[in-house]
Structure formats: C-alpha cells, structure tokens
Amino acid sequence: MAEPTEKNKMLAGELYRADDSELLAERRRAQQLLSRYNATPDDDPDLRAHLLREICGAVGMGTVLLPLFACDYGYNIRLGRQVFINYHCIFLDCAPIEIGDDVKIGPAVQLYTAQHPLDAHTRRSGVESASPIRIGSDVWIGGGALVLPGVTIGDRSVVGAGSVVVRDVPPDCVVAGNPARILRRLV
C-alpha cells in the first residue's frame, strides 16, 4: 500500500508537513482566488458569489462573506444557507470548518483548525496537525472571537465578542470570556 500523502495526513488529523509541494500549490491557488475575491467591488455580487463558490467546498444559498477574507485552502470550508460573515475574518482550514444555516459571524472572527505540537523538539521538526471546527445552525459569534481547533458550537448558541473558545459549547448557551465560559442557558 502506498504511503499516505501529507494532504491525506492533514485531512486525517495526523501530524503532517505543511511545506509539502502539493499543499503549497493548493494554498497558492487559494491565495490567488482570495486576492480576486477581496478585490471584487460591492456592486458585482454575482462575481463575488462565483468566486466564493470556487474558494469554498460548499456555499449555501443566500450566504454573504464580506472581504477581506483569508483562509488556507478553502475547500475544507462548508457554509450553510443564509450565513453572514462580516469583514476581516480568518479561517485556517487545514481541517474541515463546517458552519450551519442562519449563522452570523462578526468582524475579525478567527477560526483556527491548525495546531502545533507541544513538545519543542517535535515542533522544530516542522510538523503540525489540525482538528475540525463545527458550528451549528442559528449561531451568533461576536466580533473578534477566536475559535480554537476541535471545537463544536451547538445550535442557537451565542459567543460574546472577543471570546476565546477552547472547548465545545452546548446548544442554546451564551458563552464569553477567555477562556469562554457559559454565562447562561437560553432555554
């Protein structure tokens, strides 16, 4: 059996080398598309929608993503219907980022799937890994929030502006802070 590629290792959540030639080429492709997307004028929503569909793995109807937007690959991002993503968001999509329907994401929100080894010797070797982020439907993430690798945010939950989400958020909760903690239940 053939040795798994660095891309296969990345997608499986294993340690991989991000400087692999296939991954470098895919990031270059994403950056070229993002350059065009981020330069698209507001008065050309059809072109912007077309480019967003080229960048992302899936984009639901009625979804709006405002520039400037940055990501690693794009193909690992799946956006549901009627998603609104405000200005200056960064989605590091070395693992899947799945966003449900009717989600609101504030400006400068950052979703990070990439992670580096804790052991300095291993980290120096140049390997990293990634864990998926899943955001349910009807979620609101306030501006400047950070969501870290492996986190799932349940349906109808709210993440306060500036929060750092390091663990899963159950459905129907308001969380805020660093690290984000449950402030109240919504039902």
N, C-alpha and C. Protein backbone atom coordinates (compact mmCIF):
# COMPACT_ATOMS: atom_id res chain seq x y z
N MET A 1 0.84 -1.18 0.00
CA MET A 1 0.00 0.00 0.00
C MET A 1 0.89 1.24 0.00
N ALA A 2 0.46 2.26 -0.72
CA ALA A 2 1.25 3.49 -0.86
C ALA A 2 1.25 4.28 0.46
N GLU A 3 2.34 4.96 0.66
CA GLU A 3 2.49 5.85 1.83
C GLU A 3 1.47 6.99 1.72
N PRO A 4 0.77 7.34 2.81
CA PRO A 4 -0.19 8.45 2.73
C PRO A 4 0.51 9.77 2.41
N THR A 5 -0.14 10.59 1.62
CA THR A 5 0.41 11.90 1.29
C THR A 5 0.30 12.82 2.49
N GLU A 6 1.03 13.92 2.44
CA GLU A 6 0.94 14.91 3.53
C GLU A 6 -0.49 15.47 3.60
N LYS A 7 -1.13 15.64 2.44
CA LYS A 7 -2.52 16.12 2.43
C LYS A 7 -3.43 15.11 3.12
N ASN A 8 -3.25 13.81 2.81
CA ASN A 8 -4.07 12.79 3.47
C ASN A 8 -3.86 12.79 4.97
N LYS A 9 -2.61 12.96 5.40
CA LYS A 9 -2.32 13.03 6.84
C LYS A 9 -3.01 14.26 7.45
N MET A 10 -2.94 15.41 6.77
CA MET A 10 -3.58 16.63 7.26
C MET A 10 -5.07 16.40 7.45
N LEU A 11 -5.70 15.85 6.43
CA LEU A 11 -7.15 15.66 6.48
C LEU A 11 -7.56 14.60 7.50
N ALA A 12 -6.65 13.70 7.85
CA ALA A 12 -6.93 12.66 8.85
C ALA A 12 -6.63 13.14 10.26
N GLY A 13 -6.14 14.38 10.42
CA GLY A 13 -5.83 14.90 11.75
C GLY A 13 -4.51 14.40 12.31
N GLU A 14 -3.66 13.84 11.44
CA GLU A 14 -2.35 13.34 11.86
C GLU A 14 -1.30 14.44 11.69
N LEU A 15 -0.11 14.20 12.25
CA LEU A 15 1.00 15.12 12.02
C LEU A 15 1.37 15.09 10.54
N TYR A 16 1.59 16.28 9.98
CA TYR A 16 1.92 16.39 8.56
C TYR A 16 2.85 17.58 8.36
N ARG A 17 3.44 17.65 7.19
CA ARG A 17 4.34 18.76 6.84
C ARG A 17 3.59 19.74 5.94
N ALA A 18 3.38 20.95 6.43
CA ALA A 18 2.64 21.97 5.69
C ALA A 18 3.45 22.49 4.50
N ASP A 19 4.77 22.26 4.50
CA ASP A 19 5.60 22.75 3.39
C ASP A 19 5.67 21.75 2.23
N ASP A 20 4.83 20.74 2.25
CA ASP A 20 4.72 19.77 1.17
C ASP A 20 4.34 20.49 -0.12
N SER A 21 4.90 20.07 -1.25
CA SER A 21 4.68 20.78 -2.52
C SER A 21 3.21 20.79 -2.94
N GLU A 22 2.47 19.71 -2.71
CA GLU A 22 1.05 19.69 -3.06
C GLU A 22 0.26 20.70 -2.22
N LEU A 23 0.54 20.73 -0.92
CA LEU A 23 -0.16 21.67 -0.04
C LEU A 23 0.23 23.12 -0.34
N LEU A 24 1.51 23.35 -0.66
CA LEU A 24 1.93 24.70 -1.04
C LEU A 24 1.19 25.18 -2.29
N ALA A 25 1.06 24.29 -3.27
CA ALA A 25 0.36 24.65 -4.50
C ALA A 25 -1.12 24.93 -4.23
N GLU A 26 -1.73 24.15 -3.36
CA GLU A 26 -3.14 24.38 -3.04
C GLU A 26 -3.34 25.69 -2.26
N ARG A 27 -2.41 26.03 -1.38
CA ARG A 27 -2.50 27.31 -0.67
C ARG A 27 -2.29 28.48 -1.63
N ARG A 28 -1.36 28.32 -2.58
CA ARG A 28 -1.15 29.36 -3.60
C ARG A 28 -2.41 29.59 -4.42
N ARG A 29 -3.06 28.51 -4.83
CA ARG A 29 -4.31 28.62 -5.59
C ARG A 29 -5.36 29.38 -4.77
N ALA A 30 -5.49 29.02 -3.50
CA ALA A 30 -6.46 29.70 -2.64
C ALA A 30 -6.11 31.19 -2.52
N GLN A 31 -4.84 31.50 -2.37
CA GLN A 31 -4.44 32.91 -2.23
C GLN A 31 -4.75 33.71 -3.49
N GLN A 32 -4.56 33.08 -4.64
CA GLN A 32 -4.89 33.77 -5.90
C GLN A 32 -6.39 34.04 -6.00
N LEU A 33 -7.21 33.08 -5.64
CA LEU A 33 -8.66 33.27 -5.66
C LEU A 33 -9.09 34.32 -4.62
N LEU A 34 -8.47 34.26 -3.44
CA LEU A 34 -8.81 35.23 -2.39
C LEU A 34 -8.43 36.65 -2.80
N SER A 35 -7.32 36.78 -3.50
CA SER A 35 -6.91 38.10 -3.99
C SER A 35 -7.99 38.68 -4.90
N ARG A 36 -8.49 37.88 -5.80
CA ARG A 36 -9.56 38.32 -6.70
C ARG A 36 -10.84 38.60 -5.91
N TYR A 37 -11.18 37.69 -5.01
CA TYR A 37 -12.41 37.84 -4.22
C TYR A 37 -12.38 39.14 -3.41
N ASN A 38 -11.28 39.35 -2.71
CA ASN A 38 -11.16 40.52 -1.84
C ASN A 38 -11.12 41.83 -2.62
N ALA A 39 -10.77 41.77 -3.91
CA ALA A 39 -10.73 42.98 -4.75
C ALA A 39 -12.04 43.21 -5.51
N THR A 40 -12.98 42.28 -5.38
CA THR A 40 -14.24 42.39 -6.12
C THR A 40 -15.08 43.53 -5.55
N PRO A 41 -15.56 44.42 -6.42
CA PRO A 41 -16.36 45.55 -5.93
C PRO A 41 -17.72 45.09 -5.40
N ASP A 42 -18.26 45.87 -4.45
CA ASP A 42 -19.56 45.58 -3.86
C ASP A 42 -20.67 45.51 -4.89
N ASP A 43 -20.51 46.23 -5.99
CA ASP A 43 -21.58 46.27 -6.98
C ASP A 43 -21.53 45.11 -7.98
N ASP A 44 -20.73 44.08 -7.68
CA ASP A 44 -20.69 42.89 -8.53
C ASP A 44 -20.90 41.64 -7.67
N PRO A 45 -22.09 41.50 -7.06
CA PRO A 45 -22.33 40.36 -6.17
C PRO A 45 -22.29 39.01 -6.88
N ASP A 46 -22.61 38.99 -8.18
CA ASP A 46 -22.58 37.72 -8.91
C ASP A 46 -21.15 37.19 -9.03
N LEU A 47 -20.21 38.08 -9.35
CA LEU A 47 -18.81 37.67 -9.43
C LEU A 47 -18.31 37.23 -8.06
N ARG A 48 -18.66 37.98 -7.04
CA ARG A 48 -18.23 37.63 -5.68
C ARG A 48 -18.78 36.25 -5.31
N ALA A 49 -20.05 35.99 -5.60
CA ALA A 49 -20.65 34.68 -5.28
C ALA A 49 -19.96 33.57 -6.06
N HIS A 50 -19.66 33.82 -7.33
CA HIS A 50 -18.97 32.82 -8.16
C HIS A 50 -17.59 32.49 -7.57
N LEU A 51 -16.83 33.52 -7.21
CA LEU A 51 -15.50 33.29 -6.65
C LEU A 51 -15.58 32.57 -5.30
N LEU A 52 -16.56 32.92 -4.48
CA LEU A 52 -16.71 32.26 -3.18
C LEU A 52 -16.97 30.77 -3.38
N ARG A 53 -17.75 30.42 -4.39
CA ARG A 53 -18.01 29.01 -4.66
C ARG A 53 -16.75 28.30 -5.19
N GLU A 54 -15.87 29.04 -5.85
CA GLU A 54 -14.59 28.45 -6.28
C GLU A 54 -13.66 28.24 -5.10
N ILE A 55 -13.73 29.13 -4.12
CA ILE A 55 -12.84 29.06 -2.96
C ILE A 55 -13.29 27.95 -2.01
N CYS A 56 -14.56 27.95 -1.63
CA CYS A 56 -15.07 27.08 -0.57
C CYS A 56 -15.54 25.73 -1.10
N GLY A 57 -15.56 24.76 -0.21
CA GLY A 57 -16.05 23.43 -0.56
C GLY A 57 -17.54 23.40 -0.79
N ALA A 58 -18.30 24.25 -0.07
CA ALA A 58 -19.75 24.34 -0.24
C ALA A 58 -20.21 25.70 0.27
N VAL A 59 -21.17 26.28 -0.45
CA VAL A 59 -21.73 27.58 -0.06
C VAL A 59 -23.24 27.50 -0.28
N GLY A 60 -24.01 27.67 0.81
CA GLY A 60 -25.46 27.63 0.71
C GLY A 60 -26.04 28.91 0.13
N MET A 61 -27.28 28.80 -0.31
CA MET A 61 -27.98 29.95 -0.90
C MET A 61 -28.10 31.09 0.12
N GLY A 62 -27.94 32.31 -0.39
CA GLY A 62 -28.11 33.49 0.44
C GLY A 62 -26.96 33.80 1.36
N THR A 63 -25.86 33.07 1.24
CA THR A 63 -24.70 33.30 2.10
C THR A 63 -23.91 34.50 1.61
N VAL A 64 -23.46 35.33 2.57
CA VAL A 64 -22.68 36.53 2.27
C VAL A 64 -21.41 36.48 3.12
N LEU A 65 -20.28 36.69 2.47
CA LEU A 65 -18.99 36.76 3.15
C LEU A 65 -18.31 38.04 2.68
N LEU A 66 -18.12 38.97 3.60
CA LEU A 66 -17.53 40.26 3.24
C LEU A 66 -16.01 40.20 3.26
N PRO A 67 -15.36 40.95 2.36
CA PRO A 67 -13.90 41.00 2.38
C PRO A 67 -13.42 41.87 3.55
N LEU A 68 -12.26 41.82 3.85
CA LEU A 68 -11.19 40.96 3.42
C LEU A 68 -11.33 39.63 4.15
N PHE A 69 -11.17 38.56 3.41
CA PHE A 69 -11.29 37.22 3.97
C PHE A 69 -9.99 36.50 3.69
N ALA A 70 -9.57 35.66 4.65
CA ALA A 70 -8.36 34.86 4.47
C ALA A 70 -8.62 33.43 4.93
N CYS A 71 -8.03 32.49 4.21
CA CYS A 71 -8.08 31.08 4.60
C CYS A 71 -6.85 30.39 4.03
N ASP A 72 -6.65 29.13 4.42
CA ASP A 72 -5.50 28.37 3.91
C ASP A 72 -5.81 27.71 2.57
N TYR A 73 -6.87 26.92 2.53
CA TYR A 73 -7.17 26.10 1.36
C TYR A 73 -8.54 26.41 0.76
N GLY A 74 -9.51 26.69 1.58
CA GLY A 74 -10.85 26.99 1.11
C GLY A 74 -11.72 25.77 0.95
N TYR A 75 -11.18 24.71 0.34
CA TYR A 75 -12.00 23.54 0.06
C TYR A 75 -12.48 22.82 1.31
N ASN A 76 -11.89 23.09 2.45
CA ASN A 76 -12.33 22.49 3.71
C ASN A 76 -13.43 23.31 4.40
N ILE A 77 -13.87 24.39 3.80
CA ILE A 77 -14.89 25.26 4.40
C ILE A 77 -16.24 24.94 3.77
N ARG A 78 -17.21 24.66 4.62
CA ARG A 78 -18.58 24.40 4.18
C ARG A 78 -19.51 25.35 4.91
N LEU A 79 -20.18 26.20 4.11
CA LEU A 79 -21.06 27.23 4.66
C LEU A 79 -22.50 26.88 4.33
N GLY A 80 -23.37 26.91 5.33
CA GLY A 80 -24.78 26.61 5.13
C GLY A 80 -25.52 27.76 4.45
N ARG A 81 -26.84 27.70 4.49
CA ARG A 81 -27.70 28.73 3.89
C ARG A 81 -27.79 29.95 4.80
N GLN A 82 -27.90 31.11 4.18
CA GLN A 82 -28.15 32.37 4.89
C GLN A 82 -27.10 32.65 5.98
N VAL A 83 -25.85 32.31 5.68
CA VAL A 83 -24.74 32.62 6.60
C VAL A 83 -24.26 34.03 6.28
N PHE A 84 -23.99 34.82 7.31
CA PHE A 84 -23.42 36.15 7.13
C PHE A 84 -22.10 36.20 7.87
N ILE A 85 -21.01 36.49 7.14
CA ILE A 85 -19.67 36.59 7.71
C ILE A 85 -19.18 38.00 7.43
N ASN A 86 -18.94 38.75 8.50
CA ASN A 86 -18.56 40.15 8.40
C ASN A 86 -17.09 40.31 7.98
N TYR A 87 -16.65 41.54 7.90
CA TYR A 87 -15.31 41.90 7.41
C TYR A 87 -14.17 41.28 8.21
N HIS A 88 -13.06 41.03 7.51
CA HIS A 88 -11.75 40.71 8.09
C HIS A 88 -11.71 39.42 8.90
N CYS A 89 -12.38 38.38 8.43
CA CYS A 89 -12.34 37.09 9.12
C CYS A 89 -11.22 36.22 8.56
N ILE A 90 -10.69 35.35 9.42
CA ILE A 90 -9.62 34.42 9.05
C ILE A 90 -10.07 33.02 9.44
N PHE A 91 -10.11 32.12 8.48
CA PHE A 91 -10.46 30.73 8.73
C PHE A 91 -9.27 29.86 8.31
N LEU A 92 -8.51 29.35 9.27
CA LEU A 92 -7.40 28.45 8.95
C LEU A 92 -7.97 27.05 8.82
N ASP A 93 -8.20 26.64 7.59
CA ASP A 93 -8.96 25.42 7.30
C ASP A 93 -8.08 24.24 6.90
N CYS A 94 -7.11 23.90 7.74
CA CYS A 94 -6.30 22.70 7.49
C CYS A 94 -7.12 21.45 7.77
N ALA A 95 -8.18 21.60 8.54
CA ALA A 95 -9.18 20.55 8.79
C ALA A 95 -10.53 21.17 8.42
N PRO A 96 -11.57 20.37 8.32
CA PRO A 96 -12.87 20.93 7.94
C PRO A 96 -13.38 21.99 8.91
N ILE A 97 -13.99 23.01 8.34
CA ILE A 97 -14.75 24.02 9.08
C ILE A 97 -16.16 23.94 8.51
N GLU A 98 -17.10 23.51 9.34
CA GLU A 98 -18.48 23.35 8.90
C GLU A 98 -19.35 24.34 9.66
N ILE A 99 -20.09 25.16 8.91
CA ILE A 99 -20.94 26.19 9.50
C ILE A 99 -22.36 25.94 9.03
N GLY A 100 -23.29 25.83 9.99
CA GLY A 100 -24.68 25.52 9.69
C GLY A 100 -25.42 26.67 9.04
N ASP A 101 -26.74 26.58 9.01
CA ASP A 101 -27.60 27.58 8.40
C ASP A 101 -27.87 28.74 9.35
N ASP A 102 -28.12 29.91 8.77
CA ASP A 102 -28.56 31.10 9.52
C ASP A 102 -27.58 31.49 10.63
N VAL A 103 -26.30 31.42 10.33
CA VAL A 103 -25.25 31.78 11.28
C VAL A 103 -24.79 33.20 11.00
N LYS A 104 -24.53 33.96 12.06
CA LYS A 104 -24.00 35.32 11.97
C LYS A 104 -22.61 35.31 12.61
N ILE A 105 -21.62 35.77 11.84
CA ILE A 105 -20.24 35.83 12.33
C ILE A 105 -19.77 37.27 12.22
N GLY A 106 -19.37 37.85 13.35
CA GLY A 106 -18.96 39.25 13.42
C GLY A 106 -17.61 39.50 12.77
N PRO A 107 -17.22 40.78 12.70
CA PRO A 107 -15.95 41.13 12.07
C PRO A 107 -14.76 40.59 12.86
N ALA A 108 -13.71 40.27 12.12
CA ALA A 108 -12.43 39.85 12.69
C ALA A 108 -12.51 38.57 13.51
N VAL A 109 -13.50 37.73 13.23
CA VAL A 109 -13.57 36.41 13.89
C VAL A 109 -12.53 35.51 13.25
N GLN A 110 -11.90 34.69 14.08
CA GLN A 110 -10.86 33.79 13.60
C GLN A 110 -11.19 32.36 14.01
N LEU A 111 -11.20 31.46 13.04
CA LEU A 111 -11.43 30.04 13.27
C LEU A 111 -10.14 29.32 12.93
N TYR A 112 -9.52 28.69 13.92
CA TYR A 112 -8.22 28.05 13.74
C TYR A 112 -8.34 26.55 13.89
N THR A 113 -8.14 25.79 12.82
CA THR A 113 -8.09 24.33 12.95
C THR A 113 -6.66 23.85 13.14
N ALA A 114 -5.68 24.65 12.75
CA ALA A 114 -4.27 24.24 12.82
C ALA A 114 -3.76 24.26 14.26
N GLN A 115 -2.92 23.30 14.56
CA GLN A 115 -2.28 23.27 15.88
C GLN A 115 -0.87 22.70 15.74
N HIS A 116 -0.02 23.10 16.65
CA HIS A 116 1.37 22.69 16.63
C HIS A 116 1.67 21.83 17.85
N PRO A 117 2.62 20.91 17.73
CA PRO A 117 2.95 20.02 18.85
C PRO A 117 3.43 20.82 20.08
N LEU A 118 3.09 20.32 21.26
CA LEU A 118 3.54 20.96 22.49
C LEU A 118 5.02 20.74 22.74
N ASP A 119 5.51 19.59 22.34
CA ASP A 119 6.92 19.26 22.52
C ASP A 119 7.78 20.08 21.56
N ALA A 120 8.72 20.85 22.10
CA ALA A 120 9.54 21.76 21.29
C ALA A 120 10.34 21.02 20.21
N HIS A 121 10.89 19.87 20.54
CA HIS A 121 11.69 19.12 19.56
C HIS A 121 10.81 18.71 18.38
N THR A 122 9.64 18.20 18.66
CA THR A 122 8.72 17.80 17.58
C THR A 122 8.28 19.03 16.79
N ARG A 123 7.98 20.11 17.48
CA ARG A 123 7.55 21.35 16.82
C ARG A 123 8.64 21.86 15.87
N ARG A 124 9.91 21.81 16.30
CA ARG A 124 11.03 22.26 15.47
C ARG A 124 11.17 21.42 14.21
N SER A 125 10.67 20.19 14.23
CA SER A 125 10.80 19.32 13.06
C SER A 125 9.92 19.80 11.91
N GLY A 126 8.99 20.72 12.17
CA GLY A 126 8.18 21.29 11.10
C GLY A 126 6.84 20.62 10.87
N VAL A 127 6.47 19.69 11.75
CA VAL A 127 5.16 19.05 11.57
C VAL A 127 4.10 19.81 12.37
N GLU A 128 2.87 19.66 11.93
CA GLU A 128 1.72 20.23 12.63
C GLU A 128 0.55 19.28 12.41
N SER A 129 -0.58 19.60 13.03
CA SER A 129 -1.79 18.81 12.82
C SER A 129 -2.98 19.76 12.80
N ALA A 130 -4.16 19.22 12.63
CA ALA A 130 -5.36 20.05 12.58
C ALA A 130 -6.55 19.26 13.08
N SER A 131 -7.49 19.96 13.70
CA SER A 131 -8.74 19.36 14.18
C SER A 131 -9.91 20.20 13.69
N PRO A 132 -11.00 19.57 13.28
CA PRO A 132 -12.13 20.30 12.69
C PRO A 132 -12.85 21.21 13.67
N ILE A 133 -13.50 22.22 13.11
CA ILE A 133 -14.39 23.11 13.85
C ILE A 133 -15.77 22.94 13.24
N ARG A 134 -16.77 22.78 14.12
CA ARG A 134 -18.16 22.66 13.67
C ARG A 134 -19.00 23.69 14.39
N ILE A 135 -19.74 24.45 13.61
CA ILE A 135 -20.62 25.49 14.16
C ILE A 135 -22.04 25.14 13.71
N GLY A 136 -22.94 24.97 14.66
CA GLY A 136 -24.31 24.58 14.35
C GLY A 136 -25.09 25.69 13.67
N SER A 137 -26.38 25.50 13.54
CA SER A 137 -27.26 26.47 12.91
C SER A 137 -27.74 27.51 13.92
N ASP A 138 -28.09 28.69 13.40
CA ASP A 138 -28.64 29.79 14.22
C ASP A 138 -27.67 30.26 15.30
N VAL A 139 -26.38 30.15 15.04
CA VAL A 139 -25.35 30.59 15.98
C VAL A 139 -24.97 32.03 15.66
N TRP A 140 -24.62 32.80 16.68
CA TRP A 140 -24.10 34.15 16.52
C TRP A 140 -22.75 34.20 17.22
N ILE A 141 -21.70 34.56 16.46
CA ILE A 141 -20.36 34.70 17.02
C ILE A 141 -19.98 36.17 16.93
N GLY A 142 -19.77 36.80 18.08
CA GLY A 142 -19.46 38.22 18.14
C GLY A 142 -18.08 38.55 17.62
N GLY A 143 -17.90 39.80 17.23
CA GLY A 143 -16.67 40.28 16.63
C GLY A 143 -15.44 39.98 17.46
N GLY A 144 -14.37 39.62 16.76
CA GLY A 144 -13.07 39.40 17.40
C GLY A 144 -12.94 38.10 18.16
N ALA A 145 -13.95 37.25 18.13
CA ALA A 145 -13.86 35.96 18.83
C ALA A 145 -12.88 35.05 18.11
N LEU A 146 -12.26 34.17 18.87
CA LEU A 146 -11.38 33.13 18.34
C LEU A 146 -11.95 31.78 18.72
N VAL A 147 -12.02 30.88 17.74
CA VAL A 147 -12.47 29.51 17.99
C VAL A 147 -11.29 28.61 17.67
N LEU A 148 -10.88 27.81 18.64
CA LEU A 148 -9.67 27.01 18.52
C LEU A 148 -9.95 25.60 17.98
N PRO A 149 -8.90 24.86 17.61
CA PRO A 149 -9.06 23.57 16.96
C PRO A 149 -9.92 22.60 17.75
N GLY A 150 -10.74 21.85 17.01
CA GLY A 150 -11.52 20.78 17.61
C GLY A 150 -12.80 21.19 18.29
N VAL A 151 -13.16 22.46 18.24
CA VAL A 151 -14.33 22.97 18.96
C VAL A 151 -15.60 22.79 18.13
N THR A 152 -16.67 22.41 18.81
CA THR A 152 -18.02 22.38 18.24
C THR A 152 -18.87 23.37 19.00
N ILE A 153 -19.59 24.21 18.27
CA ILE A 153 -20.52 25.17 18.88
C ILE A 153 -21.92 24.72 18.52
N GLY A 154 -22.73 24.45 19.54
CA GLY A 154 -24.06 23.89 19.34
C GLY A 154 -25.05 24.90 18.76
N ASP A 155 -26.12 24.37 18.20
CA ASP A 155 -27.19 25.18 17.60
C ASP A 155 -27.68 26.26 18.56
N ARG A 156 -27.97 27.41 17.99
CA ARG A 156 -28.61 28.54 18.66
C ARG A 156 -27.77 29.17 19.77
N SER A 157 -26.51 28.84 19.84
CA SER A 157 -25.66 29.44 20.88
C SER A 157 -25.10 30.77 20.42
N VAL A 158 -24.65 31.57 21.40
CA VAL A 158 -24.09 32.89 21.16
C VAL A 158 -22.71 32.94 21.81
N VAL A 159 -21.73 33.42 21.05
CA VAL A 159 -20.36 33.59 21.56
C VAL A 159 -20.11 35.09 21.66
N GLY A 160 -19.81 35.58 22.85
CA GLY A 160 -19.58 37.00 23.07
C GLY A 160 -18.36 37.52 22.32
N ALA A 161 -18.42 38.79 21.95
CA ALA A 161 -17.31 39.44 21.25
C ALA A 161 -16.02 39.29 22.04
N GLY A 162 -14.94 39.02 21.32
CA GLY A 162 -13.62 38.92 21.94
C GLY A 162 -13.36 37.64 22.71
N SER A 163 -14.27 36.71 22.71
CA SER A 163 -14.10 35.47 23.46
C SER A 163 -13.08 34.55 22.78
N VAL A 164 -12.48 33.69 23.58
CA VAL A 164 -11.59 32.65 23.08
C VAL A 164 -12.23 31.32 23.45
N VAL A 165 -12.73 30.63 22.43
CA VAL A 165 -13.48 29.39 22.65
C VAL A 165 -12.50 28.22 22.54
N VAL A 166 -12.24 27.58 23.67
CA VAL A 166 -11.25 26.50 23.72
C VAL A 166 -11.89 25.13 23.90
N ARG A 167 -13.19 25.10 24.21
CA ARG A 167 -13.88 23.81 24.38
C ARG A 167 -15.28 23.91 23.79
N ASP A 168 -15.90 22.76 23.59
CA ASP A 168 -17.22 22.71 22.98
C ASP A 168 -18.23 23.56 23.74
N VAL A 169 -19.16 24.13 22.97
CA VAL A 169 -20.25 24.93 23.52
C VAL A 169 -21.54 24.16 23.27
N PRO A 170 -22.30 23.85 24.32
CA PRO A 170 -23.56 23.14 24.11
C PRO A 170 -24.56 24.01 23.36
N PRO A 171 -25.61 23.40 22.82
CA PRO A 171 -26.67 24.19 22.18
C PRO A 171 -27.33 25.14 23.19
N ASP A 172 -27.87 26.23 22.68
CA ASP A 172 -28.71 27.15 23.46
C ASP A 172 -27.98 27.75 24.66
N CYS A 173 -26.73 28.18 24.46
CA CYS A 173 -25.96 28.80 25.54
C CYS A 173 -25.36 30.12 25.07
N VAL A 174 -25.11 31.01 26.04
CA VAL A 174 -24.32 32.21 25.81
C VAL A 174 -22.99 31.98 26.51
N VAL A 175 -21.89 32.11 25.75
CA VAL A 175 -20.56 31.97 26.33
C VAL A 175 -19.78 33.25 26.06
N ALA A 176 -18.86 33.56 26.96
CA ALA A 176 -17.99 34.72 26.77
C ALA A 176 -16.77 34.58 27.65
N GLY A 177 -15.73 35.33 27.30
CA GLY A 177 -14.52 35.39 28.11
C GLY A 177 -13.35 34.66 27.49
N ASN A 178 -12.25 34.65 28.25
CA ASN A 178 -11.02 33.98 27.85
C ASN A 178 -10.49 33.20 29.05
N PRO A 179 -10.68 31.88 29.04
CA PRO A 179 -11.41 31.11 28.05
C PRO A 179 -12.93 31.32 28.18
N ALA A 180 -13.64 31.10 27.09
CA ALA A 180 -15.09 31.29 27.09
C ALA A 180 -15.73 30.31 28.07
N ARG A 181 -16.66 30.86 28.85
CA ARG A 181 -17.43 30.06 29.82
C ARG A 181 -18.91 30.31 29.61
N ILE A 182 -19.71 29.37 29.99
CA ILE A 182 -21.16 29.52 29.87
C ILE A 182 -21.62 30.59 30.87
N LEU A 183 -22.28 31.63 30.33
CA LEU A 183 -22.84 32.68 31.17
C LEU A 183 -24.30 32.40 31.50
N ARG A 184 -25.01 31.80 30.53
CA ARG A 184 -26.40 31.44 30.78
C ARG A 184 -26.89 30.49 29.71
N ARG A 185 -27.97 29.82 30.04
CA ARG A 185 -28.65 28.93 29.10
C ARG A 185 -29.82 29.70 28.50
N LEU A 186 -30.10 29.48 27.23
CA LEU A 186 -31.14 30.22 26.54
C LEU A 186 -32.50 29.53 26.58
N VAL A 187 -32.56 28.30 27.04
CA VAL A 187 -33.86 27.59 27.18
C VAL A 187 -33.99 27.00 28.55
